[in-house]
């Protein structure tokens, strides 16, 4: 059975990279409060490039996350500290190894 997920790539304006990193680090607490989010990861790909990967049991969980506080926070800051809108891709997880 596949599980829905999201893969988001986030590009910060160079002068705001530290602020984006802090936002993503602090978003962990918000993710913990999302009962329909199964796994949530934020990561850094380069000096100004960040990402988020998360999974859900079903489409309702994915939609709840897209309408939740983390997405709202990203969209609120996007015009100010991001180089462009986050690139959010819907993915289907085919297999996973978890602890």
PDB file of N, CA and C in Angstrom:
ATOM      1  N   UNK A   1       0.838  -1.184   0.000  1.00  0.00           N
ATOM      2  CA  UNK A   1       0.000   0.000   0.000  1.00  0.00           C
ATOM      3  C   UNK A   1       0.885   1.251   0.000  1.00  0.00           C
ATOM      4  N   UNK A   2       0.552   2.205  -0.825  1.00  0.00           N
ATOM      5  CA  UNK A   2       1.303   3.456  -0.847  1.00  0.00           C
ATOM      6  C   UNK A   2       0.746   4.417   0.192  1.00  0.00           C
ATOM      7  N   UNK A   3       1.604   5.344   0.582  1.00  0.00           N
ATOM      8  CA  UNK A   3       1.191   6.384   1.526  1.00  0.00           C
ATOM      9  C   UNK A   3       1.459   7.734   0.887  1.00  0.00           C
ATOM     10  N   UNK A   4       0.520   8.656   1.026  1.00  0.00           N
ATOM     11  CA  UNK A   4       0.746   9.990   0.465  1.00  0.00           C
ATOM     12  C   UNK A   4       1.826  10.740   1.231  1.00  0.00           C
ATOM     13  N   UNK A   5       2.541  11.565   0.500  1.00  0.00           N
ATOM     14  CA  UNK A   5       3.569  12.393   1.103  1.00  0.00           C
ATOM     15  C   UNK A   5       3.674  13.718   0.389  1.00  0.00           C
ATOM     16  N   UNK A   6       4.523  14.564   0.915  1.00  0.00           N
ATOM     17  CA  UNK A   6       4.827  15.862   0.313  1.00  0.00           C
ATOM     18  C   UNK A   6       6.332  16.060   0.342  1.00  0.00           C
ATOM     19  N   UNK A   7       6.849  16.612  -0.725  1.00  0.00           N
ATOM     20  CA  UNK A   7       8.249  16.991  -0.805  1.00  0.00           C
ATOM     21  C   UNK A   7       8.280  18.452  -1.226  1.00  0.00           C
ATOM     22  N   UNK A   8       8.774  19.299  -0.354  1.00  0.00           N
ATOM     23  CA  UNK A   8       8.815  20.738  -0.626  1.00  0.00           C
ATOM     24  C   UNK A   8      10.252  21.214  -0.677  1.00  0.00           C
ATOM     25  N   UNK A   9      10.554  21.973  -1.692  1.00  0.00           N
ATOM     26  CA  UNK A   9      11.873  22.614  -1.823  1.00  0.00           C
ATOM     27  C   UNK A   9      11.664  24.099  -1.577  1.00  0.00           C
ATOM     28  N   UNK A  10      12.508  24.654  -0.713  1.00  0.00           N
ATOM     29  CA  UNK A  10      12.350  26.035  -0.268  1.00  0.00           C
ATOM     30  C   UNK A  10      13.662  26.766  -0.498  1.00  0.00           C
ATOM     31  N   UNK A  11      13.610  27.854  -1.234  1.00  0.00           N
ATOM     32  CA  UNK A  11      14.806  28.643  -1.529  1.00  0.00           C
ATOM     33  C   UNK A  11      14.706  29.982  -0.799  1.00  0.00           C
ATOM     34  N   UNK A  12      15.634  30.205   0.119  1.00  0.00           N
ATOM     35  CA  UNK A  12      15.652  31.451   0.893  1.00  0.00           C
ATOM     36  C   UNK A  12      16.420  32.533   0.139  1.00  0.00           C
ATOM     37  N   UNK A  13      16.029  33.770   0.362  1.00  0.00           N
ATOM     38  CA  UNK A  13      16.877  34.874  -0.084  1.00  0.00           C
ATOM     39  C   UNK A  13      18.160  34.772   0.746  1.00  0.00           C
ATOM     40  N   UNK A  14      19.331  35.009   0.138  1.00  0.00           N
ATOM     41  CA  UNK A  14      20.598  34.792   0.860  1.00  0.00           C
ATOM     42  C   UNK A  14      20.662  35.478   2.224  1.00  0.00           C
ATOM     43  N   UNK A  15      20.160  36.678   2.307  1.00  0.00           N
ATOM     44  CA  UNK A  15      20.238  37.404   3.575  1.00  0.00           C
ATOM     45  C   UNK A  15      19.260  36.876   4.632  1.00  0.00           C
ATOM     46  N   UNK A  16      18.375  35.948   4.251  1.00  0.00           N
ATOM     47  CA  UNK A  16      17.384  35.411   5.189  1.00  0.00           C
ATOM     48  C   UNK A  16      17.515  33.910   5.409  1.00  0.00           C
ATOM     49  N   UNK A  17      18.628  33.304   4.960  1.00  0.00           N
ATOM     50  CA  UNK A  17      18.796  31.856   5.083  1.00  0.00           C
ATOM     51  C   UNK A  17      18.736  31.400   6.544  1.00  0.00           C
ATOM     52  N   UNK A  18      19.363  32.118   7.432  1.00  0.00           N
ATOM     53  CA  UNK A  18      19.351  31.732   8.846  1.00  0.00           C
ATOM     54  C   UNK A  18      17.937  31.783   9.424  1.00  0.00           C
ATOM     55  N   UNK A  19      17.165  32.753   8.994  1.00  0.00           N
ATOM     56  CA  UNK A  19      15.787  32.888   9.469  1.00  0.00           C
ATOM     57  C   UNK A  19      14.922  31.727   8.971  1.00  0.00           C
ATOM     58  N   UNK A  20      15.114  31.307   7.720  1.00  0.00           N
ATOM     59  CA  UNK A  20      14.364  30.172   7.182  1.00  0.00           C
ATOM     60  C   UNK A  20      14.761  28.897   7.922  1.00  0.00           C
ATOM     61  N   UNK A  21      16.054  28.728   8.166  1.00  0.00           N
ATOM     62  CA  UNK A  21      16.507  27.552   8.904  1.00  0.00           C
ATOM     63  C   UNK A  21      15.878  27.505  10.291  1.00  0.00           C
ATOM     64  N   UNK A  22      15.867  28.613  10.976  1.00  0.00           N
ATOM     65  CA  UNK A  22      15.268  28.672  12.311  1.00  0.00           C
ATOM     66  C   UNK A  22      13.779  28.342  12.262  1.00  0.00           C
ATOM     67  N   UNK A  23      13.083  28.866  11.272  1.00  0.00           N
ATOM     68  CA  UNK A  23      11.656  28.582  11.133  1.00  0.00           C
ATOM     69  C   UNK A  23      11.426  27.080  10.957  1.00  0.00           C
ATOM     70  N   UNK A  24      12.240  26.440  10.111  1.00  0.00           N
ATOM     71  CA  UNK A  24      12.076  25.008   9.869  1.00  0.00           C
ATOM     72  C   UNK A  24      12.458  24.177  11.090  1.00  0.00           C
ATOM     73  N   UNK A  25      13.454  24.598  11.831  1.00  0.00           N
ATOM     74  CA  UNK A  25      13.808  23.893  13.062  1.00  0.00           C
ATOM     75  C   UNK A  25      12.681  24.014  14.087  1.00  0.00           C
ATOM     76  N   UNK A  26      12.115  25.189  14.220  1.00  0.00           N
ATOM     77  CA  UNK A  26      11.041  25.408  15.192  1.00  0.00           C
ATOM     78  C   UNK A  26       9.722  24.785  14.762  1.00  0.00           C
ATOM     79  N   UNK A  27       9.554  24.518  13.470  1.00  0.00           N
ATOM     80  CA  UNK A  27       8.311  23.923  12.969  1.00  0.00           C
ATOM     81  C   UNK A  27       8.126  22.491  13.458  1.00  0.00           C
ATOM     82  N   UNK A  28       9.181  21.876  13.968  1.00  0.00           N
ATOM     83  CA  UNK A  28       9.059  20.518  14.489  1.00  0.00           C
ATOM     84  C   UNK A  28       7.966  20.420  15.550  1.00  0.00           C
ATOM     85  N   UNK A  29       7.882  21.404  16.415  1.00  0.00           N
ATOM     86  CA  UNK A  29       6.842  21.384  17.449  1.00  0.00           C
ATOM     87  C   UNK A  29       5.450  21.429  16.834  1.00  0.00           C
ATOM     88  N   UNK A  30       5.285  22.207  15.777  1.00  0.00           N
ATOM     89  CA  UNK A  30       3.989  22.246  15.088  1.00  0.00           C
ATOM     90  C   UNK A  30       3.690  20.896  14.453  1.00  0.00           C
ATOM     91  N   UNK A  31       4.691  20.271  13.838  1.00  0.00           N
ATOM     92  CA  UNK A  31       4.498  18.964  13.205  1.00  0.00           C
ATOM     93  C   UNK A  31       4.107  17.912  14.241  1.00  0.00           C
ATOM     94  N   UNK A  32       4.696  17.979  15.406  1.00  0.00           N
ATOM     95  CA  UNK A  32       4.349  17.024  16.465  1.00  0.00           C
ATOM     96  C   UNK A  32       2.881  17.145  16.862  1.00  0.00           C
ATOM     97  N   UNK A  33       2.318  18.319  16.710  1.00  0.00           N
ATOM     98  CA  UNK A  33       0.916  18.540  17.055  1.00  0.00           C
ATOM     99  C   UNK A  33      -0.063  18.130  15.971  1.00  0.00           C
ATOM    100  N   UNK A  34       0.434  17.773  14.807  1.00  0.00           N
ATOM    101  CA  UNK A  34      -0.435  17.351  13.711  1.00  0.00           C
ATOM    102  C   UNK A  34      -0.660  15.842  13.808  1.00  0.00           C
ATOM    103  N   UNK A  35      -1.816  15.450  14.283  1.00  0.00           N
ATOM    104  CA  UNK A  35      -2.075  14.042  14.544  1.00  0.00           C
ATOM    105  C   UNK A  35      -2.115  13.195  13.271  1.00  0.00           C
ATOM    106  N   UNK A  36      -2.366  13.802  12.125  1.00  0.00           N
ATOM    107  CA  UNK A  36      -2.447  13.043  10.881  1.00  0.00           C
ATOM    108  C   UNK A  36      -1.128  13.017  10.105  1.00  0.00           C
ATOM    109  N   UNK A  37      -0.109  13.707  10.620  1.00  0.00           N
ATOM    110  CA  UNK A  37       1.213  13.671   9.997  1.00  0.00           C
ATOM    111  C   UNK A  37       1.995  12.526  10.628  1.00  0.00           C
ATOM    112  N   UNK A  38       2.359  11.526   9.810  1.00  0.00           N
ATOM    113  CA  UNK A  38       3.049  10.341  10.325  1.00  0.00           C
ATOM    114  C   UNK A  38       4.526  10.618  10.528  1.00  0.00           C
ATOM    115  N   UNK A  39       5.200  11.125   9.483  1.00  0.00           N
ATOM    116  CA  UNK A  39       6.612  11.490   9.602  1.00  0.00           C
ATOM    117  C   UNK A  39       6.791  12.893   9.052  1.00  0.00           C
ATOM    118  N   UNK A  40       7.765  13.609   9.591  1.00  0.00           N
ATOM    119  CA  UNK A  40       8.040  14.984   9.148  1.00  0.00           C
ATOM    120  C   UNK A  40       9.531  15.239   9.298  1.00  0.00           C
ATOM    121  N   UNK A  41      10.134  15.696   8.223  1.00  0.00           N
ATOM    122  CA  UNK A  41      11.562  16.009   8.211  1.00  0.00           C
ATOM    123  C   UNK A  41      11.760  17.381   7.578  1.00  0.00           C
ATOM    124  N   UNK A  42      12.636  18.173   8.152  1.00  0.00           N
ATOM    125  CA  UNK A  42      13.112  19.368   7.457  1.00  0.00           C
ATOM    126  C   UNK A  42      14.604  19.185   7.266  1.00  0.00           C
ATOM    127  N   UNK A  43      15.132  19.731   6.181  1.00  0.00           N
ATOM    128  CA  UNK A  43      16.539  19.509   5.870  1.00  0.00           C
ATOM    129  C   UNK A  43      17.104  20.686   5.092  1.00  0.00           C
ATOM    130  N   UNK A  44      18.423  20.704   5.022  1.00  0.00           N
ATOM    131  CA  UNK A  44      19.148  21.759   4.312  1.00  0.00           C
ATOM    132  C   UNK A  44      19.941  21.105   3.189  1.00  0.00           C
ATOM    133  N   UNK A  45      19.785  21.631   1.967  1.00  0.00           N
ATOM    134  CA  UNK A  45      20.493  21.118   0.803  1.00  0.00           C
ATOM    135  C   UNK A  45      21.710  21.954   0.431  1.00  0.00           C
ATOM    136  N   UNK A  46      21.714  23.203   0.813  1.00  0.00           N
ATOM    137  CA  UNK A  46      22.800  24.106   0.482  1.00  0.00           C
ATOM    138  C   UNK A  46      22.669  25.371   1.291  1.00  0.00           C
ATOM    139  N   UNK A  47      23.491  26.368   1.030  1.00  0.00           N
ATOM    140  CA  UNK A  47      23.490  27.587   1.840  1.00  0.00           C
ATOM    141  C   UNK A  47      22.125  28.282   1.923  1.00  0.00           C
ATOM    142  N   UNK A  48      21.342  28.232   0.852  1.00  0.00           N
ATOM    143  CA  UNK A  48      20.038  28.905   0.848  1.00  0.00           C
ATOM    144  C   UNK A  48      18.897  27.976   0.458  1.00  0.00           C
ATOM    145  N   UNK A  49      19.188  26.683   0.307  1.00  0.00           N
ATOM    146  CA  UNK A  49      18.178  25.733  -0.161  1.00  0.00           C
ATOM    147  C   UNK A  49      17.808  24.764   0.948  1.00  0.00           C
ATOM    148  N   UNK A  50      16.514  24.687   1.216  1.00  0.00           N
ATOM    149  CA  UNK A  50      15.987  23.853   2.295  1.00  0.00           C
ATOM    150  C   UNK A  50      14.865  22.984   1.744  1.00  0.00           C
ATOM    151  N   UNK A  51      14.421  22.055   2.558  1.00  0.00           N
ATOM    152  CA  UNK A  51      13.323  21.216   2.134  1.00  0.00           C
ATOM    153  C   UNK A  51      12.577  20.640   3.308  1.00  0.00           C
ATOM    154  N   UNK A  52      11.400  20.114   2.993  1.00  0.00           N
ATOM    155  CA  UNK A  52      10.564  19.419   3.970  1.00  0.00           C
ATOM    156  C   UNK A  52      10.019  18.177   3.276  1.00  0.00           C
ATOM    157  N   UNK A  53      10.055  17.051   3.977  1.00  0.00           N
ATOM    158  CA  UNK A  53       9.447  15.823   3.489  1.00  0.00           C
ATOM    159  C   UNK A  53       8.574  15.282   4.597  1.00  0.00           C
ATOM    160  N   UNK A  54       7.336  14.942   4.278  1.00  0.00           N
ATOM    161  CA  UNK A  54       6.439  14.393   5.276  1.00  0.00           C
ATOM    162  C   UNK A  54       5.532  13.350   4.655  1.00  0.00           C
ATOM    163  N   UNK A  55       4.995  12.476   5.513  1.00  0.00           N
ATOM    164  CA  UNK A  55       4.108  11.416   5.052  1.00  0.00           C
ATOM    165  C   UNK A  55       2.855  11.377   5.909  1.00  0.00           C
ATOM    166  N   UNK A  56       1.847  10.721   5.327  1.00  0.00           N
ATOM    167  CA  UNK A  56       0.519  10.676   5.935  1.00  0.00           C
ATOM    168  C   UNK A  56      -0.102   9.308   5.680  1.00  0.00           C
ATOM    169  N   UNK A  57      -1.059   8.918   6.488  1.00  0.00           N
ATOM    170  CA  UNK A  57      -1.747   7.646   6.270  1.00  0.00           C
ATOM    171  C   UNK A  57      -2.711   7.706   5.096  1.00  0.00           C
ATOM    172  N   UNK A  58      -3.233   8.909   4.836  1.00  0.00           N
ATOM    173  CA  UNK A  58      -4.232   9.025   3.770  1.00  0.00           C
ATOM    174  C   UNK A  58      -4.255  10.446   3.212  1.00  0.00           C
ATOM    175  N   UNK A  59      -5.053  10.622   2.193  1.00  0.00           N
ATOM    176  CA  UNK A  59      -5.143  11.928   1.531  1.00  0.00           C
ATOM    177  C   UNK A  59      -5.700  13.004   2.465  1.00  0.00           C
ATOM    178  N   UNK A  60      -6.596  12.610   3.350  1.00  0.00           N
ATOM    179  CA  UNK A  60      -7.158  13.584   4.302  1.00  0.00           C
ATOM    180  C   UNK A  60      -6.054  14.160   5.187  1.00  0.00           C
ATOM    181  N   UNK A  61      -5.107  13.324   5.593  1.00  0.00           N
ATOM    182  CA  UNK A  61      -3.982  13.804   6.398  1.00  0.00           C
ATOM    183  C   UNK A  61      -3.107  14.759   5.622  1.00  0.00           C
ATOM    184  N   UNK A  62      -2.864  14.438   4.348  1.00  0.00           N
ATOM    185  CA  UNK A  62      -2.043  15.332   3.521  1.00  0.00           C
ATOM    186  C   UNK A  62      -2.732  16.680   3.366  1.00  0.00           C
ATOM    187  N   UNK A  63      -4.032  16.670   3.112  1.00  0.00           N
ATOM    188  CA  UNK A  63      -4.762  17.927   2.945  1.00  0.00           C
ATOM    189  C   UNK A  63      -4.811  18.726   4.243  1.00  0.00           C
ATOM    190  N   UNK A  64      -4.951  18.031   5.368  1.00  0.00           N
ATOM    191  CA  UNK A  64      -4.949  18.729   6.666  1.00  0.00           C
ATOM    192  C   UNK A  64      -3.610  19.429   6.883  1.00  0.00           C
ATOM    193  N   UNK A  65      -2.522  18.771   6.496  1.00  0.00           N
ATOM    194  CA  UNK A  65      -1.200  19.388   6.643  1.00  0.00           C
ATOM    195  C   UNK A  65      -1.056  20.600   5.731  1.00  0.00           C
ATOM    196  N   UNK A  66      -1.511  20.463   4.492  1.00  0.00           N
ATOM    197  CA  UNK A  66      -1.419  21.580   3.546  1.00  0.00           C
ATOM    198  C   UNK A  66      -2.233  22.787   4.005  1.00  0.00           C
ATOM    199  N   UNK A  67      -3.241  22.554   4.817  1.00  0.00           N
ATOM    200  CA  UNK A  67      -4.074  23.636   5.347  1.00  0.00           C
ATOM    201  C   UNK A  67      -3.728  23.977   6.795  1.00  0.00           C
ATOM    202  N   UNK A  68      -2.607  23.434   7.286  1.00  0.00           N
ATOM    203  CA  UNK A  68      -2.244  23.603   8.689  1.00  0.00           C
ATOM    204  C   UNK A  68      -1.284  24.750   8.950  1.00  0.00           C
ATOM    205  N   UNK A  69      -0.790  24.826  10.184  1.00  0.00           N
ATOM    206  CA  UNK A  69       0.017  25.966  10.616  1.00  0.00           C
ATOM    207  C   UNK A  69       1.400  26.064   9.970  1.00  0.00           C
ATOM    208  N   UNK A  70       2.016  24.939   9.620  1.00  0.00           N
ATOM    209  CA  UNK A  70       3.348  25.008   9.002  1.00  0.00           C
ATOM    210  C   UNK A  70       3.234  25.621   7.611  1.00  0.00           C
ATOM    211  N   UNK A  71       2.282  25.133   6.826  1.00  0.00           N
ATOM    212  CA  UNK A  71       2.082  25.684   5.481  1.00  0.00           C
ATOM    213  C   UNK A  71       1.705  27.162   5.561  1.00  0.00           C
ATOM    214  N   UNK A  72       0.863  27.516   6.519  1.00  0.00           N
ATOM    215  CA  UNK A  72       0.459  28.914   6.677  1.00  0.00           C
ATOM    216  C   UNK A  72       1.662  29.790   7.014  1.00  0.00           C
ATOM    217  N   UNK A  73       2.541  29.299   7.880  1.00  0.00           N
ATOM    218  CA  UNK A  73       3.735  30.075   8.253  1.00  0.00           C
ATOM    219  C   UNK A  73       4.639  30.284   7.043  1.00  0.00           C
ATOM    220  N   UNK A  74       4.814  29.233   6.241  1.00  0.00           N
ATOM    221  CA  UNK A  74       5.647  29.369   5.040  1.00  0.00           C
ATOM    222  C   UNK A  74       5.052  30.374   4.054  1.00  0.00           C
ATOM    223  N   UNK A  75       3.764  30.296   3.864  1.00  0.00           N
ATOM    224  CA  UNK A  75       3.138  31.205   2.907  1.00  0.00           C
ATOM    225  C   UNK A  75       3.150  32.650   3.415  1.00  0.00           C
ATOM    226  N   UNK A  76       3.072  32.834   4.722  1.00  0.00           N
ATOM    227  CA  UNK A  76       3.123  34.182   5.296  1.00  0.00           C
ATOM    228  C   UNK A  76       4.486  34.839   5.061  1.00  0.00           C
ATOM    229  N   UNK A  77       5.547  34.039   5.178  1.00  0.00           N
ATOM    230  CA  UNK A  77       6.889  34.616   5.042  1.00  0.00           C
ATOM    231  C   UNK A  77       7.405  34.619   3.613  1.00  0.00           C
ATOM    232  N   UNK A  78       6.775  33.847   2.747  1.00  0.00           N
ATOM    233  CA  UNK A  78       7.289  33.665   1.382  1.00  0.00           C
ATOM    234  C   UNK A  78       7.651  34.971   0.684  1.00  0.00           C
ATOM    235  N   UNK A  79       6.776  35.960   0.661  1.00  0.00           N
ATOM    236  CA  UNK A  79       7.136  37.176  -0.080  1.00  0.00           C
ATOM    237  C   UNK A  79       8.330  37.928   0.510  1.00  0.00           C
ATOM    238  N   UNK A  80       8.561  37.785   1.791  1.00  0.00           N
ATOM    239  CA  UNK A  80       9.599  38.556   2.464  1.00  0.00           C
ATOM    240  C   UNK A  80      10.965  37.878   2.454  1.00  0.00           C
ATOM    241  N   UNK A  81      11.020  36.591   2.809  1.00  0.00           N
ATOM    242  CA  UNK A  81      12.332  35.967   3.008  1.00  0.00           C
ATOM    243  C   UNK A  81      12.645  34.817   2.056  1.00  0.00           C
ATOM    244  N   UNK A  82      11.692  34.437   1.215  1.00  0.00           N
ATOM    245  CA  UNK A  82      11.969  33.378   0.247  1.00  0.00           C
ATOM    246  C   UNK A  82      12.233  33.971  -1.130  1.00  0.00           C
ATOM    247  N   UNK A  83      13.053  33.281  -1.894  1.00  0.00           N
ATOM    248  CA  UNK A  83      13.378  33.734  -3.250  1.00  0.00           C
ATOM    249  C   UNK A  83      12.207  33.515  -4.199  1.00  0.00           C
ATOM    250  N   UNK A  84      11.289  32.666  -3.824  1.00  0.00           N
ATOM    251  CA  UNK A  84      10.095  32.371  -4.620  1.00  0.00           C
ATOM    252  C   UNK A  84       9.174  31.497  -3.800  1.00  0.00           C
ATOM    253  N   UNK A  85       8.055  31.150  -4.366  1.00  0.00           N
ATOM    254  CA  UNK A  85       7.108  30.277  -3.661  1.00  0.00           C
ATOM    255  C   UNK A  85       7.734  28.898  -3.472  1.00  0.00           C
ATOM    256  N   UNK A  86       7.450  28.230  -2.355  1.00  0.00           N
ATOM    257  CA  UNK A  86       7.947  26.865  -2.174  1.00  0.00           C
ATOM    258  C   UNK A  86       7.456  25.959  -3.308  1.00  0.00           C
ATOM    259  N   UNK A  87       8.321  25.062  -3.758  1.00  0.00           N
ATOM    260  CA  UNK A  87       7.962  24.076  -4.777  1.00  0.00           C
ATOM    261  C   UNK A  87       7.479  22.832  -4.041  1.00  0.00           C
ATOM    262  N   UNK A  88       6.173  22.621  -4.010  1.00  0.00           N
ATOM    263  CA  UNK A  88       5.578  21.532  -3.244  1.00  0.00           C
ATOM    264  C   UNK A  88       5.098  20.451  -4.202  1.00  0.00           C
ATOM    265  N   UNK A  89       5.661  19.255  -4.036  1.00  0.00           N
ATOM    266  CA  UNK A  89       5.323  18.120  -4.881  1.00  0.00           C
ATOM    267  C   UNK A  89       4.558  17.074  -4.066  1.00  0.00           C
ATOM    268  N   UNK A  90       3.467  16.580  -4.631  1.00  0.00           N
ATOM    269  CA  UNK A  90       2.758  15.454  -4.033  1.00  0.00           C
ATOM    270  C   UNK A  90       3.497  14.191  -4.455  1.00  0.00           C
ATOM    271  N   UNK A  91       3.809  13.334  -3.492  1.00  0.00           N
ATOM    272  CA  UNK A  91       4.491  12.077  -3.785  1.00  0.00           C
ATOM    273  C   UNK A  91       3.704  10.919  -3.165  1.00  0.00           C
ATOM    274  N   UNK A  92       3.942   9.734  -3.681  1.00  0.00           N
ATOM    275  CA  UNK A  92       3.398   8.515  -3.108  1.00  0.00           C
ATOM    276  C   UNK A  92       4.575   7.667  -2.644  1.00  0.00           C
ATOM    277  N   UNK A  93       4.645   7.392  -1.359  1.00  0.00           N
ATOM    278  CA  UNK A  93       5.724   6.581  -0.799  1.00  0.00           C
ATOM    279  C   UNK A  93       5.404   5.122  -1.097  1.00  0.00           C
ATOM    280  N   UNK A  94       6.305   4.459  -1.798  1.00  0.00           N
ATOM    281  CA  UNK A  94       6.110   3.072  -2.182  1.00  0.00           C
ATOM    282  C   UNK A  94       6.623   2.102  -1.125  1.00  0.00           C
ATOM    283  N   UNK A  95       7.724   2.462  -0.461  1.00  0.00           N
ATOM    284  CA  UNK A  95       8.309   1.613   0.569  1.00  0.00           C
ATOM    285  C   UNK A  95       9.131   2.491   1.502  1.00  0.00           C
ATOM    286  N   UNK A  96       9.245   2.052   2.745  1.00  0.00           N
ATOM    287  CA  UNK A  96      10.016   2.825   3.721  1.00  0.00           C
ATOM    288  C   UNK A  96      10.588   1.892   4.774  1.00  0.00           C
ATOM    289  N   UNK A  97      11.749   2.243   5.287  1.00  0.00           N
ATOM    290  CA  UNK A  97      12.331   1.555   6.445  1.00  0.00           C
ATOM    291  C   UNK A  97      12.338   2.556   7.591  1.00  0.00           C
ATOM    292  N   UNK A  98      11.614   2.249   8.618  1.00  0.00           N
ATOM    293  CA  UNK A  98      11.516   3.128   9.774  1.00  0.00           C
ATOM    294  C   UNK A  98      11.942   2.358  11.016  1.00  0.00           C
ATOM    295  N   UNK A  99      12.399   3.067  12.047  1.00  0.00           N
ATOM    296  CA  UNK A  99      12.813   2.361  13.270  1.00  0.00           C
ATOM    297  C   UNK A  99      11.649   1.646  13.929  1.00  0.00           C
TER     298      UNK A  99
END
